[in-house]
Amino acid sequence: MTQIVAETISAAAFAPFGDLIDISGEPDKIINQGKCGRYHDRAGLDFGNARAGISLFNANPRELPYRLEMVERHPDGSQAFIPMTHQPFLVIVAPDEGGKPGQPKAFITLPGQVVNYHRGTWHGVLTPLHGPGLFAVVDRIGDGPNLEEYWFSTPYEVVDR
């Protein structure tokens, strides 16, 4: 089984797959009587001809090493995962190579970070590393299928850095 070493996520490393959303840098604006920093427009949400919806996902925590058997993608819309706890989670992505996923990459977020997968990005399932695994998910709500799965003939093993 091929090993993938999970690295700490960064905006630059994740950019080909989506947006890393966090409060890095100075706020764009101070609001609410000077008590709140607004970090404005941190992700490119794309829902095509459908609408955005907010759903709640409650996933069971997983452990490293993690057996990666399958990735999925959503060809008609982006998908943002917003943890509702202050815990890191595992993010797995892969480039598209002719309609199939290429070599997967694995990242571990820092507490308070959010990921937004671009439309059509191959990614692993929601993989919290700590409980509770409660996430708000912003994604496409509309007609038609918006899920493709790819099962690897040989699974990968994701290990900690």
N, C-alpha and C. Protein backbone atom coordinates (compact mmCIF):
# COMPACT_ATOMS: atom_id res chain seq x y z
N MET A 1 0.85 -1.16 0.00
CA MET A 1 0.00 0.00 0.00
C MET A 1 0.91 1.24 0.00
N THR A 2 0.65 2.15 -0.91
CA THR A 2 1.42 3.39 -0.99
C THR A 2 1.03 4.33 0.13
N GLN A 3 2.04 4.92 0.76
CA GLN A 3 1.78 5.87 1.84
C GLN A 3 1.74 7.30 1.32
N ILE A 4 0.86 8.09 1.89
CA ILE A 4 0.78 9.52 1.64
C ILE A 4 1.02 10.20 2.97
N VAL A 5 2.00 11.07 3.04
CA VAL A 5 2.28 11.78 4.28
C VAL A 5 1.44 13.05 4.31
N ALA A 6 0.63 13.16 5.33
CA ALA A 6 -0.21 14.36 5.49
C ALA A 6 0.66 15.52 5.94
N GLU A 7 0.52 16.65 5.25
CA GLU A 7 1.28 17.85 5.62
C GLU A 7 0.33 18.91 6.16
N THR A 8 0.88 19.85 6.90
CA THR A 8 0.06 20.95 7.38
C THR A 8 -0.41 21.75 6.18
N ILE A 9 -1.67 22.06 6.15
CA ILE A 9 -2.25 22.75 5.00
C ILE A 9 -1.75 24.19 4.92
N SER A 10 -1.59 24.67 3.71
CA SER A 10 -1.29 26.10 3.46
C SER A 10 -2.11 26.54 2.27
N ALA A 11 -2.37 27.83 2.20
CA ALA A 11 -3.16 28.37 1.09
C ALA A 11 -2.50 28.07 -0.25
N ALA A 12 -1.19 28.20 -0.32
CA ALA A 12 -0.47 27.97 -1.58
C ALA A 12 -0.56 26.51 -2.02
N ALA A 13 -0.34 25.58 -1.09
CA ALA A 13 -0.36 24.16 -1.45
C ALA A 13 -1.77 23.69 -1.81
N PHE A 14 -2.79 24.29 -1.20
CA PHE A 14 -4.17 23.87 -1.44
C PHE A 14 -4.81 24.59 -2.63
N ALA A 15 -4.21 25.67 -3.11
CA ALA A 15 -4.80 26.52 -4.15
C ALA A 15 -5.26 25.77 -5.41
N PRO A 16 -4.54 24.76 -5.91
CA PRO A 16 -5.04 24.08 -7.11
C PRO A 16 -6.37 23.35 -6.91
N PHE A 17 -6.75 23.12 -5.65
CA PHE A 17 -7.93 22.33 -5.34
C PHE A 17 -9.09 23.14 -4.77
N GLY A 18 -8.77 24.32 -4.22
CA GLY A 18 -9.81 25.12 -3.60
C GLY A 18 -9.24 26.26 -2.78
N ASP A 19 -10.07 26.75 -1.88
CA ASP A 19 -9.71 27.89 -1.04
C ASP A 19 -9.50 27.44 0.39
N LEU A 20 -8.41 27.89 1.01
CA LEU A 20 -8.22 27.73 2.44
C LEU A 20 -8.72 29.01 3.09
N ILE A 21 -9.67 28.88 3.96
CA ILE A 21 -10.33 30.04 4.56
C ILE A 21 -9.92 30.11 6.03
N ASP A 22 -9.30 31.23 6.39
CA ASP A 22 -8.93 31.44 7.78
C ASP A 22 -8.80 32.93 8.05
N ILE A 23 -8.32 33.29 9.21
CA ILE A 23 -8.21 34.70 9.56
C ILE A 23 -6.76 35.16 9.53
N SER A 24 -6.01 34.67 8.56
CA SER A 24 -4.63 35.11 8.42
C SER A 24 -4.59 36.57 7.94
N GLY A 25 -3.55 37.27 8.35
CA GLY A 25 -3.40 38.66 7.95
C GLY A 25 -4.31 39.57 8.75
N GLU A 26 -4.32 40.82 8.36
CA GLU A 26 -5.16 41.82 9.02
C GLU A 26 -6.58 41.76 8.47
N PRO A 27 -7.58 42.06 9.29
CA PRO A 27 -8.95 42.09 8.78
C PRO A 27 -9.10 43.16 7.70
N ASP A 28 -10.02 42.91 6.78
CA ASP A 28 -10.30 43.88 5.72
C ASP A 28 -11.03 45.10 6.26
N LYS A 29 -11.73 44.89 7.35
CA LYS A 29 -12.53 45.98 7.90
C LYS A 29 -12.81 45.68 9.37
N ILE A 30 -12.89 46.70 10.18
CA ILE A 30 -13.31 46.57 11.57
C ILE A 30 -14.77 47.02 11.64
N ILE A 31 -15.63 46.16 12.21
CA ILE A 31 -17.07 46.43 12.25
C ILE A 31 -17.60 46.24 13.67
N ASN A 32 -18.90 46.35 13.82
CA ASN A 32 -19.59 46.10 15.10
C ASN A 32 -18.99 46.91 16.24
N GLN A 33 -19.00 48.20 16.03
CA GLN A 33 -18.53 49.15 17.04
C GLN A 33 -17.07 48.90 17.43
N GLY A 34 -16.28 48.48 16.43
CA GLY A 34 -14.86 48.27 16.64
C GLY A 34 -14.50 46.98 17.36
N LYS A 35 -15.44 46.06 17.51
CA LYS A 35 -15.23 44.83 18.27
C LYS A 35 -15.09 43.58 17.41
N CYS A 36 -15.10 43.74 16.08
CA CYS A 36 -15.08 42.57 15.21
C CYS A 36 -14.28 42.87 13.94
N GLY A 37 -13.35 41.97 13.62
CA GLY A 37 -12.63 42.08 12.36
C GLY A 37 -13.32 41.25 11.30
N ARG A 38 -13.59 41.86 10.15
CA ARG A 38 -14.22 41.15 9.03
C ARG A 38 -13.12 40.77 8.02
N TYR A 39 -13.00 39.48 7.76
CA TYR A 39 -12.09 38.95 6.76
C TYR A 39 -12.97 38.62 5.56
N HIS A 40 -13.02 39.51 4.62
CA HIS A 40 -14.05 39.58 3.60
C HIS A 40 -13.78 38.66 2.40
N ASP A 41 -14.83 38.01 1.93
CA ASP A 41 -14.86 37.29 0.65
C ASP A 41 -13.68 36.33 0.49
N ARG A 42 -13.56 35.37 1.37
CA ARG A 42 -12.40 34.47 1.42
C ARG A 42 -12.51 33.24 0.52
N ALA A 43 -13.64 33.02 -0.16
CA ALA A 43 -13.77 31.83 -0.99
C ALA A 43 -14.60 32.13 -2.23
N GLY A 44 -14.28 31.44 -3.32
CA GLY A 44 -15.06 31.54 -4.55
C GLY A 44 -16.08 30.42 -4.59
N LEU A 45 -17.31 30.72 -4.19
CA LEU A 45 -18.38 29.73 -4.21
C LEU A 45 -18.98 29.67 -5.61
N ASP A 46 -19.25 28.46 -6.09
CA ASP A 46 -19.70 28.26 -7.47
C ASP A 46 -20.79 27.20 -7.46
N PHE A 47 -22.03 27.61 -7.77
CA PHE A 47 -23.14 26.67 -7.76
C PHE A 47 -23.83 26.56 -9.12
N GLY A 48 -23.18 27.07 -10.16
CA GLY A 48 -23.74 26.98 -11.50
C GLY A 48 -25.13 27.57 -11.55
N ASN A 49 -26.07 26.81 -12.09
CA ASN A 49 -27.44 27.32 -12.24
C ASN A 49 -28.33 26.88 -11.08
N ALA A 50 -27.73 26.50 -9.97
CA ALA A 50 -28.50 26.07 -8.79
C ALA A 50 -28.34 27.12 -7.68
N ARG A 51 -28.72 26.77 -6.48
CA ARG A 51 -28.60 27.69 -5.36
C ARG A 51 -27.69 27.12 -4.29
N ALA A 52 -27.23 27.97 -3.41
CA ALA A 52 -26.41 27.54 -2.27
C ALA A 52 -27.33 27.05 -1.16
N GLY A 53 -26.87 26.04 -0.46
CA GLY A 53 -27.58 25.55 0.71
C GLY A 53 -26.58 25.32 1.83
N ILE A 54 -27.07 25.38 3.06
CA ILE A 54 -26.24 25.07 4.22
C ILE A 54 -26.82 23.82 4.87
N SER A 55 -25.98 22.80 4.99
CA SER A 55 -26.37 21.55 5.64
C SER A 55 -25.44 21.32 6.82
N LEU A 56 -25.86 20.48 7.75
CA LEU A 56 -25.01 20.08 8.86
C LEU A 56 -24.63 18.62 8.69
N PHE A 57 -23.34 18.33 8.83
CA PHE A 57 -22.82 16.97 8.77
C PHE A 57 -22.28 16.62 10.15
N ASN A 58 -22.57 15.42 10.64
CA ASN A 58 -22.05 14.96 11.92
C ASN A 58 -21.29 13.66 11.67
N ALA A 59 -19.99 13.76 11.45
CA ALA A 59 -19.16 12.62 11.03
C ALA A 59 -18.42 12.01 12.22
N ASN A 60 -18.27 10.71 12.18
CA ASN A 60 -17.48 10.03 13.20
C ASN A 60 -16.01 10.34 13.00
N PRO A 61 -15.26 10.59 14.09
CA PRO A 61 -13.82 10.84 13.95
C PRO A 61 -13.09 9.62 13.39
N ARG A 62 -12.02 9.89 12.68
CA ARG A 62 -11.15 8.84 12.12
C ARG A 62 -9.78 8.99 12.76
N GLU A 63 -8.89 8.05 12.49
CA GLU A 63 -7.54 8.07 13.04
C GLU A 63 -6.52 7.96 11.92
N LEU A 64 -5.32 8.44 12.22
CA LEU A 64 -4.17 8.20 11.36
C LEU A 64 -3.40 7.03 11.94
N PRO A 65 -2.89 6.10 11.15
CA PRO A 65 -3.01 6.09 9.70
C PRO A 65 -4.45 5.83 9.25
N TYR A 66 -4.77 6.42 8.10
CA TYR A 66 -6.12 6.37 7.53
C TYR A 66 -6.06 5.63 6.20
N ARG A 67 -6.94 4.71 6.00
CA ARG A 67 -7.01 3.93 4.75
C ARG A 67 -7.89 4.68 3.75
N LEU A 68 -7.28 5.18 2.67
CA LEU A 68 -7.98 5.92 1.63
C LEU A 68 -8.35 4.96 0.51
N GLU A 69 -9.64 4.68 0.38
CA GLU A 69 -10.12 3.75 -0.63
C GLU A 69 -10.88 4.44 -1.76
N MET A 70 -11.40 5.65 -1.48
CA MET A 70 -12.29 6.29 -2.42
C MET A 70 -12.17 7.80 -2.32
N VAL A 71 -12.34 8.47 -3.45
CA VAL A 71 -12.49 9.92 -3.48
C VAL A 71 -13.75 10.22 -4.28
N GLU A 72 -14.22 11.45 -4.14
CA GLU A 72 -15.42 11.87 -4.85
C GLU A 72 -15.22 13.28 -5.37
N ARG A 73 -16.13 13.69 -6.26
CA ARG A 73 -16.13 15.08 -6.72
C ARG A 73 -17.55 15.48 -7.07
N HIS A 74 -17.72 16.79 -7.13
CA HIS A 74 -19.02 17.38 -7.43
C HIS A 74 -18.85 18.26 -8.67
N PRO A 75 -19.22 17.77 -9.85
CA PRO A 75 -18.96 18.49 -11.09
C PRO A 75 -19.77 19.76 -11.28
N ASP A 76 -20.85 19.93 -10.51
CA ASP A 76 -21.72 21.09 -10.72
C ASP A 76 -21.65 22.15 -9.63
N GLY A 77 -20.73 22.01 -8.67
CA GLY A 77 -20.67 23.03 -7.64
C GLY A 77 -19.53 22.85 -6.67
N SER A 78 -19.13 23.96 -6.07
CA SER A 78 -18.12 23.95 -5.02
C SER A 78 -18.74 23.41 -3.73
N GLN A 79 -17.87 23.11 -2.76
CA GLN A 79 -18.35 22.57 -1.49
C GLN A 79 -17.42 23.04 -0.38
N ALA A 80 -17.96 23.77 0.59
CA ALA A 80 -17.17 24.29 1.70
C ALA A 80 -17.49 23.53 2.98
N PHE A 81 -16.45 23.15 3.72
CA PHE A 81 -16.58 22.44 4.99
C PHE A 81 -16.13 23.35 6.11
N ILE A 82 -17.05 23.66 7.01
CA ILE A 82 -16.82 24.62 8.09
C ILE A 82 -16.95 23.88 9.41
N PRO A 83 -15.81 23.58 10.08
CA PRO A 83 -15.92 22.86 11.35
C PRO A 83 -16.63 23.71 12.40
N MET A 84 -17.46 23.07 13.20
CA MET A 84 -18.19 23.78 14.25
C MET A 84 -17.55 23.55 15.62
N THR A 85 -16.34 23.01 15.61
CA THR A 85 -15.51 22.88 16.80
C THR A 85 -14.14 23.43 16.43
N HIS A 86 -13.31 23.61 17.41
CA HIS A 86 -11.98 24.18 17.18
C HIS A 86 -10.93 23.06 17.11
N GLN A 87 -11.15 22.12 16.18
CA GLN A 87 -10.28 20.95 16.02
C GLN A 87 -9.80 20.85 14.58
N PRO A 88 -8.59 20.32 14.37
CA PRO A 88 -8.11 20.09 13.01
C PRO A 88 -8.85 18.91 12.37
N PHE A 89 -8.80 18.84 11.04
CA PHE A 89 -9.36 17.70 10.33
C PHE A 89 -8.48 17.36 9.13
N LEU A 90 -8.64 16.15 8.62
CA LEU A 90 -7.86 15.65 7.50
C LEU A 90 -8.53 16.04 6.20
N VAL A 91 -7.74 16.56 5.26
CA VAL A 91 -8.22 16.97 3.94
C VAL A 91 -7.43 16.19 2.90
N ILE A 92 -8.12 15.49 2.03
CA ILE A 92 -7.47 14.70 0.98
C ILE A 92 -8.00 15.19 -0.35
N VAL A 93 -7.11 15.47 -1.28
CA VAL A 93 -7.47 15.95 -2.61
C VAL A 93 -6.62 15.24 -3.65
N ALA A 94 -7.05 15.30 -4.90
CA ALA A 94 -6.27 14.73 -6.00
C ALA A 94 -6.54 15.53 -7.26
N PRO A 95 -5.51 15.71 -8.08
CA PRO A 95 -5.74 16.39 -9.35
C PRO A 95 -6.55 15.50 -10.29
N ASP A 96 -7.24 16.12 -11.23
CA ASP A 96 -7.96 15.36 -12.24
C ASP A 96 -6.99 15.02 -13.37
N GLU A 97 -6.97 13.76 -13.75
CA GLU A 97 -6.13 13.30 -14.86
C GLU A 97 -7.01 12.52 -15.83
N GLY A 98 -7.58 13.25 -16.78
CA GLY A 98 -8.42 12.62 -17.80
C GLY A 98 -9.70 12.02 -17.26
N GLY A 99 -10.30 12.67 -16.27
CA GLY A 99 -11.55 12.19 -15.71
C GLY A 99 -11.40 11.25 -14.53
N LYS A 100 -10.16 10.97 -14.15
CA LYS A 100 -9.88 10.12 -12.98
C LYS A 100 -8.94 10.87 -12.06
N PRO A 101 -8.96 10.52 -10.76
CA PRO A 101 -8.04 11.21 -9.86
C PRO A 101 -6.60 10.77 -10.07
N GLY A 102 -5.69 11.75 -9.98
CA GLY A 102 -4.26 11.46 -10.00
C GLY A 102 -3.78 11.13 -8.59
N GLN A 103 -2.48 11.33 -8.36
CA GLN A 103 -1.88 11.03 -7.06
C GLN A 103 -2.50 11.90 -5.96
N PRO A 104 -3.12 11.28 -4.95
CA PRO A 104 -3.71 12.07 -3.87
C PRO A 104 -2.67 12.80 -3.03
N LYS A 105 -3.11 13.89 -2.43
CA LYS A 105 -2.34 14.66 -1.45
C LYS A 105 -3.18 14.76 -0.20
N ALA A 106 -2.52 14.81 0.95
CA ALA A 106 -3.23 14.89 2.22
C ALA A 106 -2.71 16.07 3.02
N PHE A 107 -3.64 16.76 3.66
CA PHE A 107 -3.32 17.92 4.50
C PHE A 107 -4.05 17.78 5.83
N ILE A 108 -3.49 18.40 6.84
CA ILE A 108 -4.17 18.52 8.13
C ILE A 108 -4.35 20.01 8.38
N THR A 109 -5.59 20.40 8.65
CA THR A 109 -5.88 21.80 8.92
C THR A 109 -5.40 22.17 10.31
N LEU A 110 -5.32 23.45 10.55
CA LEU A 110 -5.13 23.97 11.90
C LEU A 110 -6.51 24.30 12.46
N PRO A 111 -6.66 24.31 13.78
CA PRO A 111 -7.96 24.68 14.34
C PRO A 111 -8.43 26.03 13.79
N GLY A 112 -9.70 26.10 13.43
CA GLY A 112 -10.28 27.34 12.93
C GLY A 112 -10.19 27.52 11.42
N GLN A 113 -9.58 26.58 10.70
CA GLN A 113 -9.49 26.70 9.25
C GLN A 113 -10.65 25.97 8.57
N VAL A 114 -11.03 26.48 7.41
CA VAL A 114 -12.14 25.98 6.61
C VAL A 114 -11.60 25.69 5.22
N VAL A 115 -12.14 24.67 4.54
CA VAL A 115 -11.76 24.43 3.15
C VAL A 115 -12.99 24.55 2.26
N ASN A 116 -12.76 25.08 1.07
CA ASN A 116 -13.78 25.16 0.03
C ASN A 116 -13.22 24.48 -1.20
N TYR A 117 -13.75 23.31 -1.54
CA TYR A 117 -13.30 22.60 -2.74
C TYR A 117 -13.90 23.26 -3.97
N HIS A 118 -13.07 23.52 -4.96
CA HIS A 118 -13.57 24.04 -6.23
C HIS A 118 -14.46 23.00 -6.91
N ARG A 119 -15.31 23.46 -7.77
CA ARG A 119 -16.16 22.59 -8.57
C ARG A 119 -15.30 21.55 -9.29
N GLY A 120 -15.69 20.28 -9.19
CA GLY A 120 -15.01 19.21 -9.91
C GLY A 120 -13.73 18.71 -9.26
N THR A 121 -13.39 19.14 -8.06
CA THR A 121 -12.16 18.70 -7.39
C THR A 121 -12.37 17.34 -6.74
N TRP A 122 -11.49 16.39 -7.06
CA TRP A 122 -11.50 15.09 -6.39
C TRP A 122 -11.09 15.32 -4.94
N HIS A 123 -11.86 14.76 -4.00
CA HIS A 123 -11.52 14.93 -2.58
C HIS A 123 -12.00 13.72 -1.78
N GLY A 124 -11.36 13.52 -0.64
CA GLY A 124 -11.78 12.46 0.26
C GLY A 124 -13.06 12.83 0.98
N VAL A 125 -13.61 11.86 1.69
CA VAL A 125 -14.81 12.11 2.47
C VAL A 125 -14.46 12.95 3.69
N LEU A 126 -15.46 13.49 4.35
CA LEU A 126 -15.25 14.29 5.55
C LEU A 126 -14.56 13.44 6.59
N THR A 127 -13.39 13.92 7.07
CA THR A 127 -12.54 13.11 7.93
C THR A 127 -12.08 13.90 9.16
N PRO A 128 -12.97 14.09 10.14
CA PRO A 128 -12.52 14.73 11.38
C PRO A 128 -11.56 13.80 12.11
N LEU A 129 -10.60 14.38 12.80
CA LEU A 129 -9.64 13.59 13.57
C LEU A 129 -9.98 13.59 15.06
N HIS A 130 -10.97 14.39 15.45
CA HIS A 130 -11.41 14.50 16.84
C HIS A 130 -12.92 14.64 16.85
N GLY A 131 -13.54 14.20 17.94
CA GLY A 131 -14.96 14.38 18.07
C GLY A 131 -15.28 15.63 18.87
N PRO A 132 -16.45 16.18 18.72
CA PRO A 132 -17.46 15.77 17.75
C PRO A 132 -17.09 16.24 16.34
N GLY A 133 -17.54 15.52 15.35
CA GLY A 133 -17.23 15.83 13.96
C GLY A 133 -18.33 16.64 13.30
N LEU A 134 -18.74 17.72 13.94
CA LEU A 134 -19.85 18.53 13.45
C LEU A 134 -19.35 19.63 12.53
N PHE A 135 -19.91 19.68 11.32
CA PHE A 135 -19.51 20.65 10.30
C PHE A 135 -20.74 21.26 9.66
N ALA A 136 -20.66 22.54 9.33
CA ALA A 136 -21.62 23.17 8.43
C ALA A 136 -21.02 23.03 7.03
N VAL A 137 -21.85 22.68 6.07
CA VAL A 137 -21.39 22.48 4.70
C VAL A 137 -22.22 23.38 3.78
N VAL A 138 -21.52 24.19 3.00
CA VAL A 138 -22.18 25.06 2.03
C VAL A 138 -21.93 24.45 0.66
N ASP A 139 -22.99 24.02 0.00
CA ASP A 139 -22.82 23.42 -1.32
C ASP A 139 -24.07 23.61 -2.17
N ARG A 140 -24.03 23.04 -3.35
CA ARG A 140 -25.05 23.21 -4.38
C ARG A 140 -26.31 22.43 -4.03
N ILE A 141 -27.44 23.09 -4.14
CA ILE A 141 -28.75 22.45 -4.01
C ILE A 141 -29.45 22.67 -5.35
N GLY A 142 -29.71 21.58 -6.05
CA GLY A 142 -30.35 21.70 -7.35
C GLY A 142 -30.63 20.34 -7.96
N ASP A 143 -31.25 20.35 -9.12
CA ASP A 143 -31.60 19.12 -9.81
C ASP A 143 -30.38 18.48 -10.44
N GLY A 144 -30.50 17.20 -10.67
CA GLY A 144 -29.47 16.45 -11.38
C GLY A 144 -28.40 15.89 -10.45
N PRO A 145 -27.71 14.87 -10.93
CA PRO A 145 -26.65 14.26 -10.12
C PRO A 145 -25.46 15.21 -10.00
N ASN A 146 -24.89 15.28 -8.83
CA ASN A 146 -23.73 16.14 -8.61
C ASN A 146 -22.69 15.41 -7.78
N LEU A 147 -22.59 14.10 -7.97
CA LEU A 147 -21.63 13.30 -7.22
C LEU A 147 -21.05 12.23 -8.13
N GLU A 148 -19.72 12.19 -8.18
CA GLU A 148 -19.00 11.10 -8.85
C GLU A 148 -18.05 10.51 -7.82
N GLU A 149 -18.01 9.18 -7.73
CA GLU A 149 -17.09 8.50 -6.83
C GLU A 149 -16.06 7.73 -7.65
N TYR A 150 -14.87 7.62 -7.11
CA TYR A 150 -13.81 6.81 -7.73
C TYR A 150 -13.19 5.96 -6.63
N TRP A 151 -13.25 4.63 -6.83
CA TRP A 151 -12.68 3.67 -5.89
C TRP A 151 -11.32 3.23 -6.42
N PHE A 152 -10.29 3.38 -5.62
CA PHE A 152 -8.93 2.98 -6.02
C PHE A 152 -8.81 1.46 -6.02
N SER A 153 -8.14 0.91 -7.02
CA SER A 153 -7.94 -0.54 -7.06
C SER A 153 -6.99 -0.98 -5.93
N THR A 154 -6.06 -0.12 -5.57
CA THR A 154 -5.19 -0.35 -4.42
C THR A 154 -5.32 0.85 -3.50
N PRO A 155 -5.78 0.64 -2.26
CA PRO A 155 -5.93 1.77 -1.35
C PRO A 155 -4.59 2.42 -1.00
N TYR A 156 -4.69 3.63 -0.52
CA TYR A 156 -3.52 4.37 0.00
C TYR A 156 -3.62 4.39 1.51
N GLU A 157 -2.47 4.62 2.16
CA GLU A 157 -2.44 4.80 3.61
C GLU A 157 -1.94 6.20 3.89
N VAL A 158 -2.78 7.00 4.56
CA VAL A 158 -2.40 8.37 4.91
C VAL A 158 -1.82 8.33 6.33
N VAL A 159 -0.60 8.85 6.46
CA VAL A 159 0.09 8.85 7.74
C VAL A 159 0.38 10.28 8.17
N ASP A 160 0.62 10.44 9.47
CA ASP A 160 0.93 11.75 10.02
C ASP A 160 2.31 12.20 9.60
N ARG A 161 2.49 13.49 9.54
CA ARG A 161 3.75 14.08 9.14
C ARG A 161 4.91 13.74 10.04
